[in-house]
Amino acid sequence: MIARSHNTGQGLLEAIIAIGIILTATVASLTLIVSSIEAGRGVRERLIAMNLAREGMEVVHMIRDSNWLADREWTTGWALPGGTTNEIPVFASSTPWWQIAQGITDINADDTKLYLESGRYVQKVGGIPSGHDSGFRRWITADVNSTSAYLVTVQVTYLVRNQTKTLSLQEHFTNWKP
């Protein structure tokens, strides 16, 4: 007597199920990889924005400290007495010193744009930049708290996945030198 197998088509069904499982795992892995890359881009942009904000704050520190060393009024060149000023830190390659351009009224103005030029982020005020627009904008606001104190805010805006993000860094500056 010959034994007959009743498994016809069972090998094909197992192969289809195995292919489905492999495809599901592949799609899940690719989704995870793409989302990790996107998250990495967002972290990179935030890190650059944080460093640009720190640099802006350091510019104010440098100008204030240079004023003290030169026996000038401590707010000379970075804050106007009696009000709020909006400013942009500009590196003057001719001197080479940082300067503050004052009187900025709109954060969306072209002067607030940072350009990537030879691997550096630079701001140009009133000139034609030689680099390309980096997508970052930076400005500094100095608010008078009293005759001897200012609240300085450095604000950086940038794009992540077509959404505008804003990073702000604040510090109180006082005239602690007698």
Foldseek 3Di string as FASTA:
>chain_A
DDDDDPCPPVVVVVVVVVVVVVVVVVVVVVVVVVVVVLVVVVVVVVVVQVVVQVVVVVLLVVQLVVCVVVVHDSCPQPDDPDFKWKWDWAQDPVVRHIGIDIDDDDQPDQQQFWFQDPNDTGGDDPDDDPGHTPQKGWMWMWGDPDPFKTKIKIKMWGDRPNDIDIDIDIDMGGPPDD
